[in-house]
All heavy atoms as atom14 arrays in JSON, in Angstrom:
{
  "sequence": "EYRRHRPPALSGESREILRLLGGGFKDEAAARRLGL",
  "atom14_mask": [
    [1, 1, 1, 1, 1, 1, 1, 1, 1, 0, 0, 0, 0, 0],
    [1, 1, 1, 1, 1, 1, 1, 1, 1, 1, 1, 1, 0, 0],
    [1, 1, 1, 1, 1, 1, 1, 1, 1, 1, 1, 0, 0, 0],
    [1, 1, 1, 1, 1, 1, 1, 1, 1, 1, 1, 0, 0, 0],
    [1, 1, 1, 1, 1, 1, 1, 1, 1, 1, 0, 0, 0, 0],
    [1, 1, 1, 1, 1, 1, 1, 1, 1, 1, 1, 0, 0, 0],
    [1, 1, 1, 1, 1, 1, 1, 0, 0, 0, 0, 0, 0, 0],
    [1, 1, 1, 1, 1, 1, 1, 0, 0, 0, 0, 0, 0, 0],
    [1, 1, 1, 1, 1, 0, 0, 0, 0, 0, 0, 0, 0, 0],
    [1, 1, 1, 1, 1, 1, 1, 1, 0, 0, 0, 0, 0, 0],
    [1, 1, 1, 1, 1, 1, 0, 0, 0, 0, 0, 0, 0, 0],
    [1, 1, 1, 1, 0, 0, 0, 0, 0, 0, 0, 0, 0, 0],
    [1, 1, 1, 1, 1, 1, 1, 1, 1, 0, 0, 0, 0, 0],
    [1, 1, 1, 1, 1, 1, 0, 0, 0, 0, 0, 0, 0, 0],
    [1, 1, 1, 1, 1, 1, 1, 1, 1, 1, 1, 0, 0, 0],
    [1, 1, 1, 1, 1, 1, 1, 1, 1, 0, 0, 0, 0, 0],
    [1, 1, 1, 1, 1, 1, 1, 1, 0, 0, 0, 0, 0, 0],
    [1, 1, 1, 1, 1, 1, 1, 1, 0, 0, 0, 0, 0, 0],
    [1, 1, 1, 1, 1, 1, 1, 1, 1, 1, 1, 0, 0, 0],
    [1, 1, 1, 1, 1, 1, 1, 1, 0, 0, 0, 0, 0, 0],
    [1, 1, 1, 1, 1, 1, 1, 1, 0, 0, 0, 0, 0, 0],
    [1, 1, 1, 1, 0, 0, 0, 0, 0, 0, 0, 0, 0, 0],
    [1, 1, 1, 1, 0, 0, 0, 0, 0, 0, 0, 0, 0, 0],
    [1, 1, 1, 1, 0, 0, 0, 0, 0, 0, 0, 0, 0, 0],
    [1, 1, 1, 1, 1, 1, 1, 1, 1, 1, 1, 0, 0, 0],
    [1, 1, 1, 1, 1, 1, 1, 1, 1, 0, 0, 0, 0, 0],
    [1, 1, 1, 1, 1, 1, 1, 1, 0, 0, 0, 0, 0, 0],
    [1, 1, 1, 1, 1, 1, 1, 1, 1, 0, 0, 0, 0, 0],
    [1, 1, 1, 1, 1, 0, 0, 0, 0, 0, 0, 0, 0, 0],
    [1, 1, 1, 1, 1, 0, 0, 0, 0, 0, 0, 0, 0, 0],
    [1, 1, 1, 1, 1, 0, 0, 0, 0, 0, 0, 0, 0, 0],
    [1, 1, 1, 1, 1, 1, 1, 1, 1, 1, 1, 0, 0, 0],
    [1, 1, 1, 1, 1, 1, 1, 1, 1, 1, 1, 0, 0, 0],
    [1, 1, 1, 1, 1, 1, 1, 1, 0, 0, 0, 0, 0, 0],
    [1, 1, 1, 1, 0, 0, 0, 0, 0, 0, 0, 0, 0, 0],
    [1, 1, 1, 1, 1, 1, 1, 1, 0, 0, 0, 0, 0, 0]
  ],
  "atom14_positions": [
    [[0.83, -1.2, 0.0], [0.0, 0.0, 0.0], [0.87, 1.26, 0.0], [0.56, 2.24, -0.69], [-0.92, 0.0, 1.23], [-1.84, 1.21, 1.33], [-2.8, 1.31, 0.16], [-3.15, 0.28, -0.45], [-3.2, 2.45, -0.17], [0.0, 0.0, 0.0], [0.0, 0.0, 0.0], [0.0, 0.0, 0.0], [0.0, 0.0, 0.0], [0.0, 0.0, 0.0]],
    [[1.94, 1.23, 0.76], [2.83, 2.4, 0.82], [3.44, 2.69, -0.55], [3.59, 3.86, -0.94], [3.93, 2.17, 1.85], [4.82, 3.36, 2.07], [4.48, 4.36, 2.97], [6.01, 3.51, 1.34], [5.28, 5.47, 3.16], [6.83, 4.62, 1.53], [6.45, 5.6, 2.44], [7.24, 6.7, 2.6], [0.0, 0.0, 0.0], [0.0, 0.0, 0.0]],
    [[3.79, 1.63, -1.28], [4.44, 1.8, -2.59], [3.46, 2.12, -3.7], [3.88, 2.52, -4.8], [5.2, 0.53, -2.96], [6.35, 0.18, -2.02], [7.05, -1.08, -2.48], [7.71, -0.93, -3.77], [7.31, -1.5, -4.88], [6.25, -2.3, -4.9], [7.95, -1.3, -6.01], [0.0, 0.0, 0.0], [0.0, 0.0, 0.0], [0.0, 0.0, 0.0]],
    [[2.18, 1.96, -3.45], [1.19, 2.04, -4.54], [1.2, 3.4, -5.24], [1.04, 3.48, -6.46], [-0.21, 1.75, -3.98], [-1.23, 1.41, -5.07], [-2.58, 1.08, -4.46], [-2.51, 0.13, -3.38], [-2.38, -1.19, -3.54], [-2.32, -1.68, -4.75], [-2.32, -1.99, -2.48], [0.0, 0.0, 0.0], [0.0, 0.0, 0.0], [0.0, 0.0, 0.0]],
    [[1.37, 4.46, -4.48], [1.24, 5.8, -5.06], [2.54, 6.61, -4.99], [2.5, 7.83, -5.06], [0.11, 6.56, -4.37], [-1.2, 5.86, -4.43], [-1.87, 5.62, -5.61], [-1.96, 5.3, -3.44], [-2.99, 4.97, -5.36], [-3.07, 4.76, -4.06], [0.0, 0.0, 0.0], [0.0, 0.0, 0.0], [0.0, 0.0, 0.0], [0.0, 0.0, 0.0]],
    [[3.65, 5.92, -4.84], [4.93, 6.63, -4.81], [5.88, 6.0, -5.83], [5.88, 4.79, -6.03], [5.58, 6.56, -3.42], [5.88, 5.15, -2.98], [6.72, 5.08, -1.73], [8.09, 5.49, -1.94], [9.04, 4.74, -2.5], [8.73, 3.52, -2.95], [10.26, 5.19, -2.63], [0.0, 0.0, 0.0], [0.0, 0.0, 0.0], [0.0, 0.0, 0.0]],
    [[6.69, 6.82, -6.48], [7.65, 6.26, -7.43], [8.81, 5.61, -6.7], [9.21, 6.08, -5.63], [8.12, 7.49, -8.22], [7.94, 8.63, -7.28], [6.72, 8.29, -6.45], [0.0, 0.0, 0.0], [0.0, 0.0, 0.0], [0.0, 0.0, 0.0], [0.0, 0.0, 0.0], [0.0, 0.0, 0.0], [0.0, 0.0, 0.0], [0.0, 0.0, 0.0]],
    [[9.36, 4.53, -7.24], [10.56, 3.95, -6.62], [11.74, 4.9, -6.79], [11.75, 5.75, -7.68], [10.76, 2.65, -7.41], [10.1, 2.91, -8.73], [8.93, 3.8, -8.44], [0.0, 0.0, 0.0], [0.0, 0.0, 0.0], [0.0, 0.0, 0.0], [0.0, 0.0, 0.0], [0.0, 0.0, 0.0], [0.0, 0.0, 0.0], [0.0, 0.0, 0.0]],
    [[12.73, 4.75, -5.93], [13.91, 5.62, -5.98], [14.87, 5.1, -7.05], [15.88, 4.46, -6.74], [14.59, 5.66, -4.61], [0.0, 0.0, 0.0], [0.0, 0.0, 0.0], [0.0, 0.0, 0.0], [0.0, 0.0, 0.0], [0.0, 0.0, 0.0], [0.0, 0.0, 0.0], [0.0, 0.0, 0.0], [0.0, 0.0, 0.0], [0.0, 0.0, 0.0]],
    [[14.56, 5.37, -8.3], [15.36, 4.86, -9.41], [16.65, 5.67, -9.57], [16.67, 6.89, -9.39], [14.57, 4.92, -10.71], [13.31, 4.07, -10.78], [12.64, 4.22, -12.14], [13.61, 2.6, -10.52], [0.0, 0.0, 0.0], [0.0, 0.0, 0.0], [0.0, 0.0, 0.0], [0.0, 0.0, 0.0], [0.0, 0.0, 0.0], [0.0, 0.0, 0.0]],
    [[17.71, 4.96, -9.93], [18.98, 5.62, -10.21], [18.89, 6.33, -11.55], [17.96, 6.14, -12.35], [20.1, 4.59, -10.24], [19.92, 3.7, -11.34], [0.0, 0.0, 0.0], [0.0, 0.0, 0.0], [0.0, 0.0, 0.0], [0.0, 0.0, 0.0], [0.0, 0.0, 0.0], [0.0, 0.0, 0.0], [0.0, 0.0, 0.0], [0.0, 0.0, 0.0]],
    [[19.9, 7.16, -11.82], [19.95, 7.84, -13.12], [20.01, 6.85, -14.26], [19.37, 7.06, -15.31], [0.0, 0.0, 0.0], [0.0, 0.0, 0.0], [0.0, 0.0, 0.0], [0.0, 0.0, 0.0], [0.0, 0.0, 0.0], [0.0, 0.0, 0.0], [0.0, 0.0, 0.0], [0.0, 0.0, 0.0], [0.0, 0.0, 0.0], [0.0, 0.0, 0.0]],
    [[20.75, 5.76, -14.09], [20.84, 4.75, -15.14], [19.48, 4.1, -15.38], [19.08, 3.88, -16.54], [21.86, 3.69, -14.77], [22.02, 2.6, -15.82], [22.99, 1.52, -15.39], [22.58, 0.63, -14.6], [24.15, 1.55, -15.86], [0.0, 0.0, 0.0], [0.0, 0.0, 0.0], [0.0, 0.0, 0.0], [0.0, 0.0, 0.0], [0.0, 0.0, 0.0]],
    [[18.75, 3.82, -14.32], [17.43, 3.19, -14.47], [16.47, 4.11, -15.19], [15.67, 3.68, -16.04], [16.86, 2.8, -13.1], [17.64, 1.79, -12.51], [0.0, 0.0, 0.0], [0.0, 0.0, 0.0], [0.0, 0.0, 0.0], [0.0, 0.0, 0.0], [0.0, 0.0, 0.0], [0.0, 0.0, 0.0], [0.0, 0.0, 0.0], [0.0, 0.0, 0.0]],
    [[16.52, 5.39, -14.87], [15.65, 6.35, -15.57], [16.0, 6.43, -17.05], [15.12, 6.56, -17.91], [15.75, 7.72, -14.91], [15.09, 7.78, -13.53], [15.34, 9.11, -12.84], [14.73, 9.16, -11.53], [13.5, 9.62, -11.28], [12.76, 10.09, -12.29], [13.02, 9.62, -10.07], [0.0, 0.0, 0.0], [0.0, 0.0, 0.0], [0.0, 0.0, 0.0]],
    [[17.3, 6.35, -17.36], [17.7, 6.38, -18.77], [17.21, 5.12, -19.48], [16.77, 5.18, -20.63], [19.22, 6.49, -18.86], [19.75, 6.55, -20.29], [19.25, 7.76, -21.06], [18.83, 8.76, -20.42], [19.3, 7.72, -22.31], [0.0, 0.0, 0.0], [0.0, 0.0, 0.0], [0.0, 0.0, 0.0], [0.0, 0.0, 0.0], [0.0, 0.0, 0.0]],
    [[17.28, 3.98, -18.79], [16.75, 2.74, -19.39], [15.27, 2.88, -19.68], [14.77, 2.47, -20.74], [17.03, 1.54, -18.46], [18.53, 1.23, -18.43], [16.24, 0.31, -18.91], [18.92, 0.16, -17.43], [0.0, 0.0, 0.0], [0.0, 0.0, 0.0], [0.0, 0.0, 0.0], [0.0, 0.0, 0.0], [0.0, 0.0, 0.0], [0.0, 0.0, 0.0]],
    [[14.54, 3.47, -18.75], [13.11, 3.7, -18.98], [12.88, 4.58, -20.19], [11.96, 4.35, -21.0], [12.47, 4.33, -17.74], [12.0, 3.4, -16.63], [11.47, 4.21, -15.46], [10.93, 2.44, -17.13], [0.0, 0.0, 0.0], [0.0, 0.0, 0.0], [0.0, 0.0, 0.0], [0.0, 0.0, 0.0], [0.0, 0.0, 0.0], [0.0, 0.0, 0.0]],
    [[13.68, 5.63, -20.33], [13.52, 6.52, -21.48], [13.81, 5.78, -22.78], [13.13, 5.99, -23.8], [14.42, 7.74, -21.32], [13.91, 8.75, -20.32], [14.66, 10.06, -20.4], [16.0, 9.96, -19.84], [16.28, 10.19, -18.56], [15.32, 10.56, -17.72], [17.51, 10.09, -18.11], [0.0, 0.0, 0.0], [0.0, 0.0, 0.0], [0.0, 0.0, 0.0]],
    [[14.83, 4.93, -22.76], [15.16, 4.17, -23.96], [14.05, 3.17, -24.29], [13.71, 2.96, -25.46], [16.5, 3.44, -23.77], [17.73, 4.36, -23.64], [18.97, 3.53, -23.33], [17.92, 5.18, -24.9], [0.0, 0.0, 0.0], [0.0, 0.0, 0.0], [0.0, 0.0, 0.0], [0.0, 0.0, 0.0], [0.0, 0.0, 0.0], [0.0, 0.0, 0.0]],
    [[13.5, 2.53, -23.24], [12.37, 1.63, -23.48], [11.2, 2.38, -24.07], [10.55, 1.94, -25.03], [11.95, 0.96, -22.16], [12.87, -0.12, -21.58], [12.37, -0.55, -20.22], [12.94, -1.31, -22.53], [0.0, 0.0, 0.0], [0.0, 0.0, 0.0], [0.0, 0.0, 0.0], [0.0, 0.0, 0.0], [0.0, 0.0, 0.0], [0.0, 0.0, 0.0]],
    [[10.89, 3.56, -23.48], [9.78, 4.37, -23.98], [10.03, 4.89, -25.37], [9.09, 5.15, -26.13], [0.0, 0.0, 0.0], [0.0, 0.0, 0.0], [0.0, 0.0, 0.0], [0.0, 0.0, 0.0], [0.0, 0.0, 0.0], [0.0, 0.0, 0.0], [0.0, 0.0, 0.0], [0.0, 0.0, 0.0], [0.0, 0.0, 0.0], [0.0, 0.0, 0.0]],
    [[11.33, 5.05, -25.74], [11.67, 5.53, -27.07], [11.7, 4.43, -28.11], [11.96, 4.72, -29.29], [0.0, 0.0, 0.0], [0.0, 0.0, 0.0], [0.0, 0.0, 0.0], [0.0, 0.0, 0.0], [0.0, 0.0, 0.0], [0.0, 0.0, 0.0], [0.0, 0.0, 0.0], [0.0, 0.0, 0.0], [0.0, 0.0, 0.0], [0.0, 0.0, 0.0]],
    [[11.48, 3.2, -27.73], [11.4, 2.11, -28.7], [12.74, 1.53, -29.11], [12.83, 0.82, -30.11], [0.0, 0.0, 0.0], [0.0, 0.0, 0.0], [0.0, 0.0, 0.0], [0.0, 0.0, 0.0], [0.0, 0.0, 0.0], [0.0, 0.0, 0.0], [0.0, 0.0, 0.0], [0.0, 0.0, 0.0], [0.0, 0.0, 0.0], [0.0, 0.0, 0.0]],
    [[13.81, 1.8, -28.35], [15.11, 1.23, -28.7], [15.11, -0.27, -28.47], [14.6, -0.76, -27.48], [16.22, 1.86, -27.83], [16.66, 3.22, -28.29], [15.94, 4.34, -27.92], [17.78, 3.36, -29.09], [16.35, 5.59, -28.34], [18.2, 4.61, -29.51], [17.48, 5.74, -29.14], [0.0, 0.0, 0.0], [0.0, 0.0, 0.0], [0.0, 0.0, 0.0]],
    [[15.71, -1.0, -29.42], [15.89, -2.43, -29.22], [16.96, -2.65, -28.15], [17.79, -1.78, -27.88], [16.3, -3.11, -30.54], [15.19, -3.1, -31.59], [15.6, -3.89, -32.78], [14.49, -3.91, -33.83], [13.25, -4.52, -33.33], [0.0, 0.0, 0.0], [0.0, 0.0, 0.0], [0.0, 0.0, 0.0], [0.0, 0.0, 0.0], [0.0, 0.0, 0.0]],
    [[16.93, -3.84, -27.53], [17.84, -4.11, -26.42], [19.3, -3.91, -26.81], [20.09, -3.33, -26.05], [17.63, -5.54, -25.92], [16.34, -5.7, -25.15], [15.6, -4.71, -25.02], [16.08, -6.82, -24.66], [0.0, 0.0, 0.0], [0.0, 0.0, 0.0], [0.0, 0.0, 0.0], [0.0, 0.0, 0.0], [0.0, 0.0, 0.0], [0.0, 0.0, 0.0]],
    [[19.68, -4.41, -27.98], [21.07, -4.31, -28.4], [21.51, -2.86, -28.53], [22.6, -2.47, -28.07], [21.28, -5.04, -29.73], [21.12, -6.56, -29.65], [19.65, -7.0, -29.67], [18.76, -6.12, -29.74], [19.43, -8.22, -29.57], [0.0, 0.0, 0.0], [0.0, 0.0, 0.0], [0.0, 0.0, 0.0], [0.0, 0.0, 0.0], [0.0, 0.0, 0.0]],
    [[20.67, -2.04, -29.14], [21.0, -0.62, -29.34], [21.04, 0.12, -28.0], [21.93, 0.95, -27.75], [19.99, 0.03, -30.28], [0.0, 0.0, 0.0], [0.0, 0.0, 0.0], [0.0, 0.0, 0.0], [0.0, 0.0, 0.0], [0.0, 0.0, 0.0], [0.0, 0.0, 0.0], [0.0, 0.0, 0.0], [0.0, 0.0, 0.0], [0.0, 0.0, 0.0]],
    [[20.08, -0.2, -27.11], [20.04, 0.46, -25.8], [21.26, 0.08, -24.97], [21.85, 0.92, -24.29], [18.76, 0.1, -25.07], [0.0, 0.0, 0.0], [0.0, 0.0, 0.0], [0.0, 0.0, 0.0], [0.0, 0.0, 0.0], [0.0, 0.0, 0.0], [0.0, 0.0, 0.0], [0.0, 0.0, 0.0], [0.0, 0.0, 0.0], [0.0, 0.0, 0.0]],
    [[21.64, -1.21, -25.01], [22.8, -1.66, -24.25], [24.06, -0.96, -24.74], [24.9, -0.52, -23.93], [22.94, -3.17, -24.37], [0.0, 0.0, 0.0], [0.0, 0.0, 0.0], [0.0, 0.0, 0.0], [0.0, 0.0, 0.0], [0.0, 0.0, 0.0], [0.0, 0.0, 0.0], [0.0, 0.0, 0.0], [0.0, 0.0, 0.0], [0.0, 0.0, 0.0]],
    [[24.22, -0.85, -26.05], [25.4, -0.16, -26.59], [25.41, 1.3, -26.15], [26.45, 1.85, -25.79], [25.4, -0.25, -28.11], [25.84, -1.58, -28.68], [26.21, -1.46, -30.14], [25.11, -0.93, -30.94], [24.16, -1.67, -31.5], [24.19, -2.99, -31.34], [23.2, -1.12, -32.2], [0.0, 0.0, 0.0], [0.0, 0.0, 0.0], [0.0, 0.0, 0.0]],
    [[24.26, 1.94, -26.18], [24.17, 3.35, -25.83], [24.6, 3.57, -24.37], [25.2, 4.6, -24.02], [22.73, 3.83, -26.04], [22.56, 5.34, -25.94], [21.1, 5.7, -26.16], [20.93, 7.14, -26.18], [20.79, 7.86, -27.29], [20.84, 7.26, -28.47], [20.62, 9.17, -27.22], [0.0, 0.0, 0.0], [0.0, 0.0, 0.0], [0.0, 0.0, 0.0]],
    [[24.28, 2.61, -23.5], [24.6, 2.73, -22.08], [25.95, 2.13, -21.71], [26.38, 2.23, -20.56], [23.51, 2.06, -21.25], [22.12, 2.71, -21.31], [21.09, 1.81, -20.64], [22.14, 4.08, -20.66], [0.0, 0.0, 0.0], [0.0, 0.0, 0.0], [0.0, 0.0, 0.0], [0.0, 0.0, 0.0], [0.0, 0.0, 0.0], [0.0, 0.0, 0.0]],
    [[26.6, 1.48, -22.68], [27.89, 0.85, -22.39], [27.75, -0.4, -21.53], [28.65, -0.73, -20.75], [0.0, 0.0, 0.0], [0.0, 0.0, 0.0], [0.0, 0.0, 0.0], [0.0, 0.0, 0.0], [0.0, 0.0, 0.0], [0.0, 0.0, 0.0], [0.0, 0.0, 0.0], [0.0, 0.0, 0.0], [0.0, 0.0, 0.0], [0.0, 0.0, 0.0]],
    [[26.62, -1.1, -21.66], [26.36, -2.31, -20.89], [26.37, -3.52, -21.81], [26.09, -3.41, -23.01], [25.0, -2.23, -20.19], [24.76, -1.06, -19.23], [23.31, -1.08, -18.75], [25.72, -1.13, -18.05], [0.0, 0.0, 0.0], [0.0, 0.0, 0.0], [0.0, 0.0, 0.0], [0.0, 0.0, 0.0], [0.0, 0.0, 0.0], [0.0, 0.0, 0.0]]
  ]
}
């Protein structure tokens, strides 16, 4: 219940991954972009 209406404390890298997911990047391209 506590977590239901609050955002998790995502790191900068996690937020960038979310943006890449939302932007439609394929996994391979997103991984290269992040150096992972």
